[in-house]
PDB file of N, CA and C in Angstrom:
ATOM      1  N   UNK A   1     237.098  17.103 237.307  1.00  0.00           N
ATOM      2  CA  UNK A   1     237.159  17.106 235.863  1.00  0.00           C
ATOM      3  C   UNK A   1     237.884  18.365 235.400  1.00  0.00           C
ATOM      4  N   UNK A   2     238.655  18.217 234.352  1.00  0.00           N
ATOM      5  CA  UNK A   2     239.410  19.359 233.855  1.00  0.00           C
ATOM      6  C   UNK A   2     239.481  19.349 232.338  1.00  0.00           C
ATOM      7  N   UNK A   3     239.707  20.532 231.793  1.00  0.00           N
ATOM      8  CA  UNK A   3     239.856  20.705 230.351  1.00  0.00           C
ATOM      9  C   UNK A   3     241.155  21.461 230.112  1.00  0.00           C
ATOM     10  N   UNK A   4     241.862  21.094 229.022  1.00  0.00           N
ATOM     11  CA  UNK A   4     243.184  21.646 228.769  1.00  0.00           C
ATOM     12  C   UNK A   4     243.246  22.344 227.418  1.00  0.00           C
ATOM     13  N   UNK A   5     244.177  23.282 227.336  1.00  0.00           N
ATOM     14  CA  UNK A   5     244.571  23.874 226.061  1.00  0.00           C
ATOM     15  C   UNK A   5     246.062  24.146 226.177  1.00  0.00           C
ATOM     16  N   UNK A   6     246.829  23.659 225.214  1.00  0.00           N
ATOM     17  CA  UNK A   6     248.281  23.833 225.220  1.00  0.00           C
ATOM     18  C   UNK A   6     248.686  24.340 223.852  1.00  0.00           C
ATOM     19  N   UNK A   7     249.049  25.604 223.777  1.00  0.00           N
ATOM     20  CA  UNK A   7     249.409  26.221 222.511  1.00  0.00           C
ATOM     21  C   UNK A   7     250.924  26.351 222.459  1.00  0.00           C
ATOM     22  N   UNK A   8     251.527  25.791 221.402  1.00  0.00           N
ATOM     23  CA  UNK A   8     252.980  25.740 221.309  1.00  0.00           C
ATOM     24  C   UNK A   8     253.499  26.715 220.258  1.00  0.00           C
ATOM     25  N   UNK A   9     254.738  27.145 220.473  1.00  0.00           N
ATOM     26  CA  UNK A   9     255.501  27.957 219.529  1.00  0.00           C
ATOM     27  C   UNK A   9     254.760  29.218 219.076  1.00  0.00           C
ATOM     28  N   UNK A  10     254.274  29.975 220.052  1.00  0.00           N
ATOM     29  CA  UNK A  10     253.667  31.269 219.773  1.00  0.00           C
ATOM     30  C   UNK A  10     254.798  32.274 219.597  1.00  0.00           C
ATOM     31  N   UNK A  11     254.752  33.068 218.537  1.00  0.00           N
ATOM     32  CA  UNK A  11     255.868  33.951 218.210  1.00  0.00           C
ATOM     33  C   UNK A  11     255.810  35.257 219.002  1.00  0.00           C
ATOM     34  N   UNK A  12     255.963  35.134 220.306  1.00  0.00           N
ATOM     35  CA  UNK A  12     256.082  36.281 221.201  1.00  0.00           C
ATOM     36  C   UNK A  12     256.920  35.810 222.380  1.00  0.00           C
ATOM     37  N   UNK A  13     257.709  36.698 222.940  1.00  0.00           N
ATOM     38  CA  UNK A  13     258.595  36.264 224.020  1.00  0.00           C
ATOM     39  C   UNK A  13     257.780  35.966 225.282  1.00  0.00           C
ATOM     40  N   UNK A  14     258.234  35.008 226.084  1.00  0.00           N
ATOM     41  CA  UNK A  14     257.503  34.642 227.296  1.00  0.00           C
ATOM     42  C   UNK A  14     257.389  35.801 228.287  1.00  0.00           C
ATOM     43  N   UNK A  15     258.379  36.667 228.300  1.00  0.00           N
ATOM     44  CA  UNK A  15     258.370  37.792 229.231  1.00  0.00           C
ATOM     45  C   UNK A  15     257.183  38.715 228.973  1.00  0.00           C
ATOM     46  N   UNK A  16     256.849  38.913 227.711  1.00  0.00           N
ATOM     47  CA  UNK A  16     255.729  39.784 227.361  1.00  0.00           C
ATOM     48  C   UNK A  16     254.387  39.158 227.737  1.00  0.00           C
ATOM     49  N   UNK A  17     254.296  37.831 227.695  1.00  0.00           N
ATOM     50  CA  UNK A  17     253.057  37.159 228.088  1.00  0.00           C
ATOM     51  C   UNK A  17     252.927  37.050 229.603  1.00  0.00           C
ATOM     52  N   UNK A  18     254.028  36.812 230.285  1.00  0.00           N
ATOM     53  CA  UNK A  18     253.987  36.666 231.747  1.00  0.00           C
ATOM     54  C   UNK A  18     253.588  37.962 232.440  1.00  0.00           C
ATOM     55  N   UNK A  19     253.768  39.084 231.761  1.00  0.00           N
ATOM     56  CA  UNK A  19     253.381  40.377 232.302  1.00  0.00           C
ATOM     57  C   UNK A  19     251.878  40.430 232.594  1.00  0.00           C
ATOM     58  N   UNK A  20     251.077  39.709 231.825  1.00  0.00           N
ATOM     59  CA  UNK A  20     249.623  39.731 231.966  1.00  0.00           C
ATOM     60  C   UNK A  20     249.080  38.713 232.963  1.00  0.00           C
ATOM     61  N   UNK A  21     249.870  37.707 233.308  1.00  0.00           N
ATOM     62  CA  UNK A  21     249.356  36.584 234.109  1.00  0.00           C
ATOM     63  C   UNK A  21     248.859  36.941 235.506  1.00  0.00           C
ATOM     64  N   UNK A  22     249.538  37.788 236.292  1.00  0.00           N
ATOM     65  CA  UNK A  22     249.040  38.035 237.657  1.00  0.00           C
ATOM     66  C   UNK A  22     247.616  38.593 237.699  1.00  0.00           C
ATOM     67  N   UNK A  23     247.269  39.488 236.777  1.00  0.00           N
ATOM     68  CA  UNK A  23     245.918  40.039 236.758  1.00  0.00           C
ATOM     69  C   UNK A  23     244.901  39.007 236.307  1.00  0.00           C
ATOM     70  N   UNK A  24     245.266  38.188 235.331  1.00  0.00           N
ATOM     71  CA  UNK A  24     244.322  37.217 234.770  1.00  0.00           C
ATOM     72  C   UNK A  24     244.053  36.088 235.765  1.00  0.00           C
ATOM     73  N   UNK A  25     245.065  35.667 236.522  1.00  0.00           N
ATOM     74  CA  UNK A  25     244.895  34.552 237.462  1.00  0.00           C
ATOM     75  C   UNK A  25     243.911  34.869 238.576  1.00  0.00           C
ATOM     76  N   UNK A  26     243.770  36.143 238.930  1.00  0.00           N
ATOM     77  CA  UNK A  26     242.855  36.533 240.002  1.00  0.00           C
ATOM     78  C   UNK A  26     241.396  36.400 239.594  1.00  0.00           C
ATOM     79  N   UNK A  27     241.132  36.468 238.290  1.00  0.00           N
ATOM     80  CA  UNK A  27     239.765  36.490 237.784  1.00  0.00           C
ATOM     81  C   UNK A  27     239.261  35.086 237.455  1.00  0.00           C
ATOM     82  N   UNK A  28     237.959  34.975 237.260  1.00  0.00           N
ATOM     83  CA  UNK A  28     237.395  33.743 236.720  1.00  0.00           C
ATOM     84  C   UNK A  28     237.622  33.757 235.211  1.00  0.00           C
ATOM     85  N   UNK A  29     237.599  32.600 234.559  1.00  0.00           N
ATOM     86  CA  UNK A  29     237.907  32.556 233.125  1.00  0.00           C
ATOM     87  C   UNK A  29     237.054  33.470 232.247  1.00  0.00           C
ATOM     88  N   UNK A  30     235.755  33.566 232.519  1.00  0.00           N
ATOM     89  CA  UNK A  30     234.907  34.443 231.702  1.00  0.00           C
ATOM     90  C   UNK A  30     235.262  35.913 231.915  1.00  0.00           C
ATOM     91  N   UNK A  31     235.547  36.292 233.153  1.00  0.00           N
ATOM     92  CA  UNK A  31     235.951  37.672 233.434  1.00  0.00           C
ATOM     93  C   UNK A  31     237.318  37.956 232.825  1.00  0.00           C
ATOM     94  N   UNK A  32     238.180  36.951 232.821  1.00  0.00           N
ATOM     95  CA  UNK A  32     239.511  37.115 232.235  1.00  0.00           C
ATOM     96  C   UNK A  32     239.415  37.342 230.725  1.00  0.00           C
ATOM     97  N   UNK A  33     238.451  36.704 230.067  1.00  0.00           N
ATOM     98  CA  UNK A  33     238.245  36.930 228.635  1.00  0.00           C
ATOM     99  C   UNK A  33     237.901  38.392 228.365  1.00  0.00           C
ATOM    100  N   UNK A  34     236.999  38.950 229.180  1.00  0.00           N
ATOM    101  CA  UNK A  34     236.638  40.359 229.003  1.00  0.00           C
ATOM    102  C   UNK A  34     237.835  41.269 229.250  1.00  0.00           C
ATOM    103  N   UNK A  35     238.599  40.968 230.282  1.00  0.00           N
ATOM    104  CA  UNK A  35     239.782  41.776 230.611  1.00  0.00           C
ATOM    105  C   UNK A  35     240.787  41.758 229.458  1.00  0.00           C
ATOM    106  N   UNK A  36     241.048  40.572 228.917  1.00  0.00           N
ATOM    107  CA  UNK A  36     242.030  40.446 227.844  1.00  0.00           C
ATOM    108  C   UNK A  36     241.534  41.065 226.536  1.00  0.00           C
ATOM    109  N   UNK A  37     240.227  41.013 226.300  1.00  0.00           N
ATOM    110  CA  UNK A  37     239.674  41.556 225.061  1.00  0.00           C
ATOM    111  C   UNK A  37     239.920  43.060 224.960  1.00  0.00           C
ATOM    112  N   UNK A  38     239.879  43.757 226.096  1.00  0.00           N
ATOM    113  CA  UNK A  38     240.034  45.212 226.099  1.00  0.00           C
ATOM    114  C   UNK A  38     241.429  45.680 226.503  1.00  0.00           C
ATOM    115  N   UNK A  39     242.385  44.770 226.618  1.00  0.00           N
ATOM    116  CA  UNK A  39     243.755  45.149 226.935  1.00  0.00           C
ATOM    117  C   UNK A  39     244.520  45.374 225.630  1.00  0.00           C
ATOM    118  N   UNK A  40     245.130  46.561 225.451  1.00  0.00           N
ATOM    119  CA  UNK A  40     245.755  46.884 224.163  1.00  0.00           C
ATOM    120  C   UNK A  40     247.191  46.374 224.034  1.00  0.00           C
ATOM    121  N   UNK A  41     247.390  45.081 224.109  1.00  0.00           N
ATOM    122  CA  UNK A  41     248.714  44.491 223.931  1.00  0.00           C
ATOM    123  C   UNK A  41     248.596  43.273 223.026  1.00  0.00           C
ATOM    124  N   UNK A  42     249.665  42.978 222.315  1.00  0.00           N
ATOM    125  CA  UNK A  42     249.663  41.810 221.434  1.00  0.00           C
ATOM    126  C   UNK A  42     249.537  40.531 222.259  1.00  0.00           C
ATOM    127  N   UNK A  43     250.210  40.484 223.400  1.00  0.00           N
ATOM    128  CA  UNK A  43     250.150  39.308 224.263  1.00  0.00           C
ATOM    129  C   UNK A  43     248.752  39.039 224.776  1.00  0.00           C
ATOM    130  N   UNK A  44     247.972  40.093 225.002  1.00  0.00           N
ATOM    131  CA  UNK A  44     246.598  39.922 225.478  1.00  0.00           C
ATOM    132  C   UNK A  44     245.750  39.230 224.419  1.00  0.00           C
ATOM    133  N   UNK A  45     245.976  39.590 223.155  1.00  0.00           N
ATOM    134  CA  UNK A  45     245.212  38.957 222.070  1.00  0.00           C
ATOM    135  C   UNK A  45     245.531  37.463 221.974  1.00  0.00           C
ATOM    136  N   UNK A  46     246.804  37.116 222.125  1.00  0.00           N
ATOM    137  CA  UNK A  46     247.227  35.715 222.037  1.00  0.00           C
ATOM    138  C   UNK A  46     246.708  34.917 223.230  1.00  0.00           C
ATOM    139  N   UNK A  47     246.800  35.500 224.430  1.00  0.00           N
ATOM    140  CA  UNK A  47     246.308  34.840 225.640  1.00  0.00           C
ATOM    141  C   UNK A  47     244.789  34.677 225.592  1.00  0.00           C
ATOM    142  N   UNK A  48     244.104  35.647 224.989  1.00  0.00           N
ATOM    143  CA  UNK A  48     242.658  35.570 224.815  1.00  0.00           C
ATOM    144  C   UNK A  48     242.289  34.348 223.978  1.00  0.00           C
ATOM    145  N   UNK A  49     243.008  34.130 222.880  1.00  0.00           N
ATOM    146  CA  UNK A  49     242.713  32.990 222.005  1.00  0.00           C
ATOM    147  C   UNK A  49     242.959  31.664 222.721  1.00  0.00           C
ATOM    148  N   UNK A  50     244.023  31.586 223.516  1.00  0.00           N
ATOM    149  CA  UNK A  50     244.316  30.353 224.248  1.00  0.00           C
ATOM    150  C   UNK A  50     243.241  30.074 225.293  1.00  0.00           C
ATOM    151  N   UNK A  51     242.826  31.121 226.002  1.00  0.00           N
ATOM    152  CA  UNK A  51     241.814  30.959 227.045  1.00  0.00           C
ATOM    153  C   UNK A  51     240.453  30.604 226.438  1.00  0.00           C
ATOM    154  N   UNK A  52     240.135  31.214 225.312  1.00  0.00           N
ATOM    155  CA  UNK A  52     238.879  30.907 224.625  1.00  0.00           C
ATOM    156  C   UNK A  52     238.857  29.448 224.178  1.00  0.00           C
ATOM    157  N   UNK A  53     239.990  28.958 223.708  1.00  0.00           N
ATOM    158  CA  UNK A  53     240.094  27.562 223.296  1.00  0.00           C
ATOM    159  C   UNK A  53     239.873  26.625 224.485  1.00  0.00           C
ATOM    160  N   UNK A  54     240.457  26.956 225.637  1.00  0.00           N
ATOM    161  CA  UNK A  54     240.295  26.118 226.827  1.00  0.00           C
ATOM    162  C   UNK A  54     238.844  26.112 227.302  1.00  0.00           C
ATOM    163  N   UNK A  55     238.180  27.249 227.256  1.00  0.00           N
ATOM    164  CA  UNK A  55     236.779  27.326 227.679  1.00  0.00           C
ATOM    165  C   UNK A  55     235.889  26.523 226.739  1.00  0.00           C
ATOM    166  N   UNK A  56     236.146  26.623 225.436  1.00  0.00           N
ATOM    167  CA  UNK A  56     235.362  25.842 224.472  1.00  0.00           C
ATOM    168  C   UNK A  56     235.592  24.342 224.651  1.00  0.00           C
ATOM    169  N   UNK A  57     236.841  23.955 224.946  1.00  0.00           N
ATOM    170  CA  UNK A  57     237.126  22.544 225.226  1.00  0.00           C
ATOM    171  C   UNK A  57     236.366  22.069 226.457  1.00  0.00           C
ATOM    172  N   UNK A  58     236.296  22.899 227.475  1.00  0.00           N
ATOM    173  CA  UNK A  58     235.598  22.529 228.707  1.00  0.00           C
ATOM    174  C   UNK A  58     234.100  22.374 228.455  1.00  0.00           C
ATOM    175  N   UNK A  59     233.527  23.287 227.689  1.00  0.00           N
ATOM    176  CA  UNK A  59     232.093  23.190 227.400  1.00  0.00           C
ATOM    177  C   UNK A  59     231.783  21.922 226.616  1.00  0.00           C
ATOM    178  N   UNK A  60     232.679  21.570 225.691  1.00  0.00           N
ATOM    179  CA  UNK A  60     232.439  20.405 224.844  1.00  0.00           C
ATOM    180  C   UNK A  60     232.654  19.082 225.599  1.00  0.00           C
ATOM    181  N   UNK A  61     233.757  18.988 226.358  1.00  0.00           N
ATOM    182  CA  UNK A  61     234.079  17.712 227.006  1.00  0.00           C
ATOM    183  C   UNK A  61     233.377  17.514 228.349  1.00  0.00           C
ATOM    184  N   UNK A  62     233.321  18.578 229.163  1.00  0.00           N
ATOM    185  CA  UNK A  62     232.731  18.441 230.496  1.00  0.00           C
ATOM    186  C   UNK A  62     231.226  18.662 230.504  1.00  0.00           C
ATOM    187  N   UNK A  63     230.719  19.314 229.438  1.00  0.00           N
ATOM    188  CA  UNK A  63     229.289  19.601 229.318  1.00  0.00           C
ATOM    189  C   UNK A  63     228.747  20.367 230.523  1.00  0.00           C
ATOM    190  N   UNK A  64     229.445  21.453 230.862  1.00  0.00           N
ATOM    191  CA  UNK A  64     228.990  22.328 231.950  1.00  0.00           C
ATOM    192  C   UNK A  64     229.008  23.761 231.442  1.00  0.00           C
ATOM    193  N   UNK A  65     228.378  24.639 232.195  1.00  0.00           N
ATOM    194  CA  UNK A  65     228.363  26.053 231.820  1.00  0.00           C
ATOM    195  C   UNK A  65     229.720  26.666 232.128  1.00  0.00           C
ATOM    196  N   UNK A  66     230.057  27.699 231.343  1.00  0.00           N
ATOM    197  CA  UNK A  66     231.382  28.291 231.497  1.00  0.00           C
ATOM    198  C   UNK A  66     231.531  29.122 232.762  1.00  0.00           C
ATOM    199  N   UNK A  67     230.423  29.494 233.404  1.00  0.00           N
ATOM    200  CA  UNK A  67     230.548  30.273 234.635  1.00  0.00           C
ATOM    201  C   UNK A  67     230.919  29.402 235.836  1.00  0.00           C
ATOM    202  N   UNK A  68     230.931  28.081 235.674  1.00  0.00           N
ATOM    203  CA  UNK A  68     231.330  27.169 236.754  1.00  0.00           C
ATOM    204  C   UNK A  68     232.800  26.773 236.672  1.00  0.00           C
ATOM    205  N   UNK A  69     233.559  27.391 235.785  1.00  0.00           N
ATOM    206  CA  UNK A  69     234.971  27.041 235.601  1.00  0.00           C
ATOM    207  C   UNK A  69     235.871  27.928 236.435  1.00  0.00           C
ATOM    208  N   UNK A  70     237.028  27.380 236.791  1.00  0.00           N
ATOM    209  CA  UNK A  70     238.066  28.181 237.439  1.00  0.00           C
ATOM    210  C   UNK A  70     239.427  27.672 236.963  1.00  0.00           C
ATOM    211  N   UNK A  71     240.446  28.499 237.150  1.00  0.00           N
ATOM    212  CA  UNK A  71     241.788  28.143 236.713  1.00  0.00           C
ATOM    213  C   UNK A  71     242.406  27.118 237.660  1.00  0.00           C
ATOM    214  N   UNK A  72     242.990  26.103 237.081  1.00  0.00           N
ATOM    215  CA  UNK A  72     243.819  25.183 237.856  1.00  0.00           C
ATOM    216  C   UNK A  72     245.278  25.513 237.573  1.00  0.00           C
ATOM    217  N   UNK A  73     245.626  25.630 236.291  1.00  0.00           N
ATOM    218  CA  UNK A  73     246.986  25.989 235.880  1.00  0.00           C
ATOM    219  C   UNK A  73     246.895  27.018 234.761  1.00  0.00           C
ATOM    220  N   UNK A  74     247.690  28.059 234.881  1.00  0.00           N
ATOM    221  CA  UNK A  74     247.828  29.051 233.811  1.00  0.00           C
ATOM    222  C   UNK A  74     249.287  29.478 233.800  1.00  0.00           C
ATOM    223  N   UNK A  75     250.052  28.933 232.844  1.00  0.00           N
ATOM    224  CA  UNK A  75     251.477  29.221 232.803  1.00  0.00           C
ATOM    225  C   UNK A  75     251.917  29.556 231.386  1.00  0.00           C
ATOM    226  N   UNK A  76     253.042  30.249 231.325  1.00  0.00           N
ATOM    227  CA  UNK A  76     253.696  30.544 230.056  1.00  0.00           C
ATOM    228  C   UNK A  76     255.108  30.002 230.157  1.00  0.00           C
ATOM    229  N   UNK A  77     255.457  29.083 229.272  1.00  0.00           N
ATOM    230  CA  UNK A  77     256.768  28.456 229.287  1.00  0.00           C
ATOM    231  C   UNK A  77     257.587  28.928 228.097  1.00  0.00           C
ATOM    232  N   UNK A  78     258.887  28.767 228.204  1.00  0.00           N
ATOM    233  CA  UNK A  78     259.765  29.176 227.120  1.00  0.00           C
ATOM    234  C   UNK A  78     259.790  28.109 226.045  1.00  0.00           C
ATOM    235  N   UNK A  79     259.677  28.531 224.795  1.00  0.00           N
ATOM    236  CA  UNK A  79     259.695  27.613 223.668  1.00  0.00           C
ATOM    237  C   UNK A  79     261.044  27.630 222.969  1.00  0.00           C
ATOM    238  N   UNK A  80     261.016  27.361 221.673  1.00  0.00           N
ATOM    239  CA  UNK A  80     262.237  27.364 220.882  1.00  0.00           C
ATOM    240  C   UNK A  80     262.765  28.786 220.724  1.00  0.00           C
ATOM    241  N   UNK A  81     264.013  28.874 220.310  1.00  0.00           N
ATOM    242  CA  UNK A  81     264.615  30.164 220.014  1.00  0.00           C
ATOM    243  C   UNK A  81     265.180  30.124 218.605  1.00  0.00           C
ATOM    244  N   UNK A  82     264.858  31.142 217.816  1.00  0.00           N
ATOM    245  CA  UNK A  82     265.481  31.290 216.505  1.00  0.00           C
ATOM    246  C   UNK A  82     266.724  32.140 216.689  1.00  0.00           C
ATOM    247  N   UNK A  83     267.861  31.644 216.278  1.00  0.00           N
ATOM    248  CA  UNK A  83     269.109  32.386 216.438  1.00  0.00           C
ATOM    249  C   UNK A  83     269.537  32.932 215.087  1.00  0.00           C
ATOM    250  N   UNK A  84     269.660  34.236 215.018  1.00  0.00           N
ATOM    251  CA  UNK A  84     270.076  34.929 213.807  1.00  0.00           C
ATOM    252  C   UNK A  84     271.253  35.834 214.156  1.00  0.00           C
ATOM    253  N   UNK A  85     271.947  36.301 213.132  1.00  0.00           N
ATOM    254  CA  UNK A  85     273.101  37.159 213.353  1.00  0.00           C
ATOM    255  C   UNK A  85     273.051  38.340 212.408  1.00  0.00           C
ATOM    256  N   UNK A  86     273.558  39.475 212.885  1.00  0.00           N
ATOM    257  CA  UNK A  86     273.621  40.686 212.090  1.00  0.00           C
ATOM    258  C   UNK A  86     275.060  41.204 212.137  1.00  0.00           C
ATOM    259  N   UNK A  87     275.573  41.668 211.027  1.00  0.00           N
ATOM    260  CA  UNK A  87     276.954  42.152 211.043  1.00  0.00           C
ATOM    261  C   UNK A  87     277.100  43.404 211.910  1.00  0.00           C
ATOM    262  N   UNK A  88     278.213  43.453 212.626  1.00  0.00           N
ATOM    263  CA  UNK A  88     278.495  44.597 213.481  1.00  0.00           C
ATOM    264  C   UNK A  88     279.753  45.306 213.027  1.00  0.00           C
ATOM    265  N   UNK A  89     280.178  46.230 213.823  1.00  0.00           N
ATOM    266  CA  UNK A  89     281.363  47.012 213.478  1.00  0.00           C
ATOM    267  C   UNK A  89     282.640  46.188 213.575  1.00  0.00           C
ATOM    268  N   UNK A  90     283.618  46.525 212.729  1.00  0.00           N
ATOM    269  CA  UNK A  90     284.945  45.893 212.704  1.00  0.00           C
ATOM    270  C   UNK A  90     284.881  44.385 212.462  1.00  0.00           C
ATOM    271  N   UNK A  91     283.932  43.956 211.677  1.00  0.00           N
ATOM    272  CA  UNK A  91     283.860  42.547 211.308  1.00  0.00           C
ATOM    273  C   UNK A  91     283.296  41.633 212.380  1.00  0.00           C
ATOM    274  N   UNK A  92     282.726  42.197 213.445  1.00  0.00           N
ATOM    275  CA  UNK A  92     282.148  41.349 214.489  1.00  0.00           C
ATOM    276  C   UNK A  92     280.719  40.981 214.102  1.00  0.00           C
ATOM    277  N   UNK A  93     280.140  40.126 214.896  1.00  0.00           N
ATOM    278  CA  UNK A  93     278.781  39.668 214.631  1.00  0.00           C
ATOM    279  C   UNK A  93     277.923  39.977 215.858  1.00  0.00           C
ATOM    280  N   UNK A  94     276.686  40.421 215.635  1.00  0.00           N
ATOM    281  CA  UNK A  94     275.751  40.736 216.709  1.00  0.00           C
ATOM    282  C   UNK A  94     274.631  39.694 216.695  1.00  0.00           C
ATOM    283  N   UNK A  95     274.512  38.900 217.763  1.00  0.00           N
ATOM    284  CA  UNK A  95     273.461  37.868 217.780  1.00  0.00           C
ATOM    285  C   UNK A  95     272.072  38.468 217.999  1.00  0.00           C
ATOM    286  N   UNK A  96     271.092  37.862 217.357  1.00  0.00           N
ATOM    287  CA  UNK A  96     269.683  38.206 217.546  1.00  0.00           C
ATOM    288  C   UNK A  96     268.975  36.918 217.935  1.00  0.00           C
ATOM    289  N   UNK A  97     268.242  36.937 219.047  1.00  0.00           N
ATOM    290  CA  UNK A  97     267.514  35.762 219.508  1.00  0.00           C
ATOM    291  C   UNK A  97     266.023  36.078 219.445  1.00  0.00           C
ATOM    292  N   UNK A  98     265.289  35.328 218.637  1.00  0.00           N
ATOM    293  CA  UNK A  98     263.846  35.487 218.527  1.00  0.00           C
ATOM    294  C   UNK A  98     263.196  34.383 219.350  1.00  0.00           C
ATOM    295  N   UNK A  99     262.571  34.770 220.444  1.00  0.00           N
ATOM    296  CA  UNK A  99     262.031  33.805 221.406  1.00  0.00           C
ATOM    297  C   UNK A  99     260.585  33.436 221.091  1.00  0.00           C
ATOM    298  N   UNK A 100     260.215  32.209 221.477  1.00  0.00           N
ATOM    299  CA  UNK A 100     258.849  31.731 221.313  1.00  0.00           C
ATOM    300  C   UNK A 100     258.337  31.219 222.655  1.00  0.00           C
ATOM    301  N   UNK A 101     257.030  31.072 222.759  1.00  0.00           N
ATOM    302  CA  UNK A 101     256.397  30.693 224.021  1.00  0.00           C
ATOM    303  C   UNK A 101     255.487  29.494 223.846  1.00  0.00           C
ATOM    304  N   UNK A 102     255.252  28.803 224.953  1.00  0.00           N
ATOM    305  CA  UNK A 102     254.218  27.777 225.058  1.00  0.00           C
ATOM    306  C   UNK A 102     253.242  28.254 226.129  1.00  0.00           C
ATOM    307  N   UNK A 103     251.949  28.194 225.844  1.00  0.00           N
ATOM    308  CA  UNK A 103     250.928  28.611 226.805  1.00  0.00           C
ATOM    309  C   UNK A 103     250.165  27.374 227.246  1.00  0.00           C
ATOM    310  N   UNK A 104     250.096  27.171 228.566  1.00  0.00           N
ATOM    311  CA  UNK A 104     249.358  26.032 229.119  1.00  0.00           C
ATOM    312  C   UNK A 104     248.207  26.566 229.980  1.00  0.00           C
ATOM    313  N   UNK A 105     246.977  26.160 229.622  1.00  0.00           N
ATOM    314  CA  UNK A 105     245.786  26.550 230.376  1.00  0.00           C
ATOM    315  C   UNK A 105     245.045  25.276 230.749  1.00  0.00           C
ATOM    316  N   UNK A 106     244.830  25.082 232.049  1.00  0.00           N
ATOM    317  CA  UNK A 106     244.017  23.955 232.520  1.00  0.00           C
ATOM    318  C   UNK A 106     242.900  24.530 233.378  1.00  0.00           C
ATOM    319  N   UNK A 107     241.670  24.208 233.009  1.00  0.00           N
ATOM    320  CA  UNK A 107     240.496  24.675 233.738  1.00  0.00           C
ATOM    321  C   UNK A 107     239.839  23.498 234.433  1.00  0.00           C
ATOM    322  N   UNK A 108     239.313  23.743 235.630  1.00  0.00           N
ATOM    323  CA  UNK A 108     238.570  22.700 236.333  1.00  0.00           C
ATOM    324  C   UNK A 108     237.204  23.246 236.726  1.00  0.00           C
ATOM    325  N   UNK A 109     236.283  22.349 236.974  1.00  0.00           N
ATOM    326  CA  UNK A 109     234.926  22.764 237.301  1.00  0.00           C
ATOM    327  C   UNK A 109     234.790  22.931 238.811  1.00  0.00           C
ATOM    328  N   UNK A 110     234.085  23.998 239.189  1.00  0.00           N
ATOM    329  CA  UNK A 110     233.755  24.196 240.603  1.00  0.00           C
ATOM    330  C   UNK A 110     232.549  23.335 240.925  1.00  0.00           C
ATOM    331  N   UNK A 111     232.556  22.758 242.094  1.00  0.00           N
ATOM    332  CA  UNK A 111     231.405  21.959 242.516  1.00  0.00           C
ATOM    333  C   UNK A 111     230.364  22.881 243.120  1.00  0.00           C
ATOM    334  N   UNK A 112     229.136  22.819 242.626  1.00  0.00           N
ATOM    335  CA  UNK A 112     228.055  23.618 243.208  1.00  0.00           C
ATOM    336  C   UNK A 112     227.479  22.890 244.403  1.00  0.00           C
ATOM    337  N   UNK A 113     227.340  23.638 245.499  1.00  0.00           N
ATOM    338  CA  UNK A 113     226.848  22.994 246.731  1.00  0.00           C
ATOM    339  C   UNK A 113     225.450  23.451 247.057  1.00  0.00           C
TER     340      UNK A 113
END
């Protein structure tokens, strides 16, 4: 059994979110929430909200305790790009690309033996 959370078009670049993934993947979801809560980065706050949503979905749909959950998939994908331009020297144009992200969290239940 698994529970999903897929958050689209988050206004932060994927590179800034992927920086946090290796540490979070090693932990269990509840421990990852604590880690992200005390990490002083904007990406940590956004990842915290996505993970909290996935845990709440799991509690509601699977009807199990949150300490029995583990990560199946935790990825950050590239979303849309806003393309803007700023005037440069000698009549040239300087492109500005504002990147967005998609966060995919899938949690599965551990079987107690």
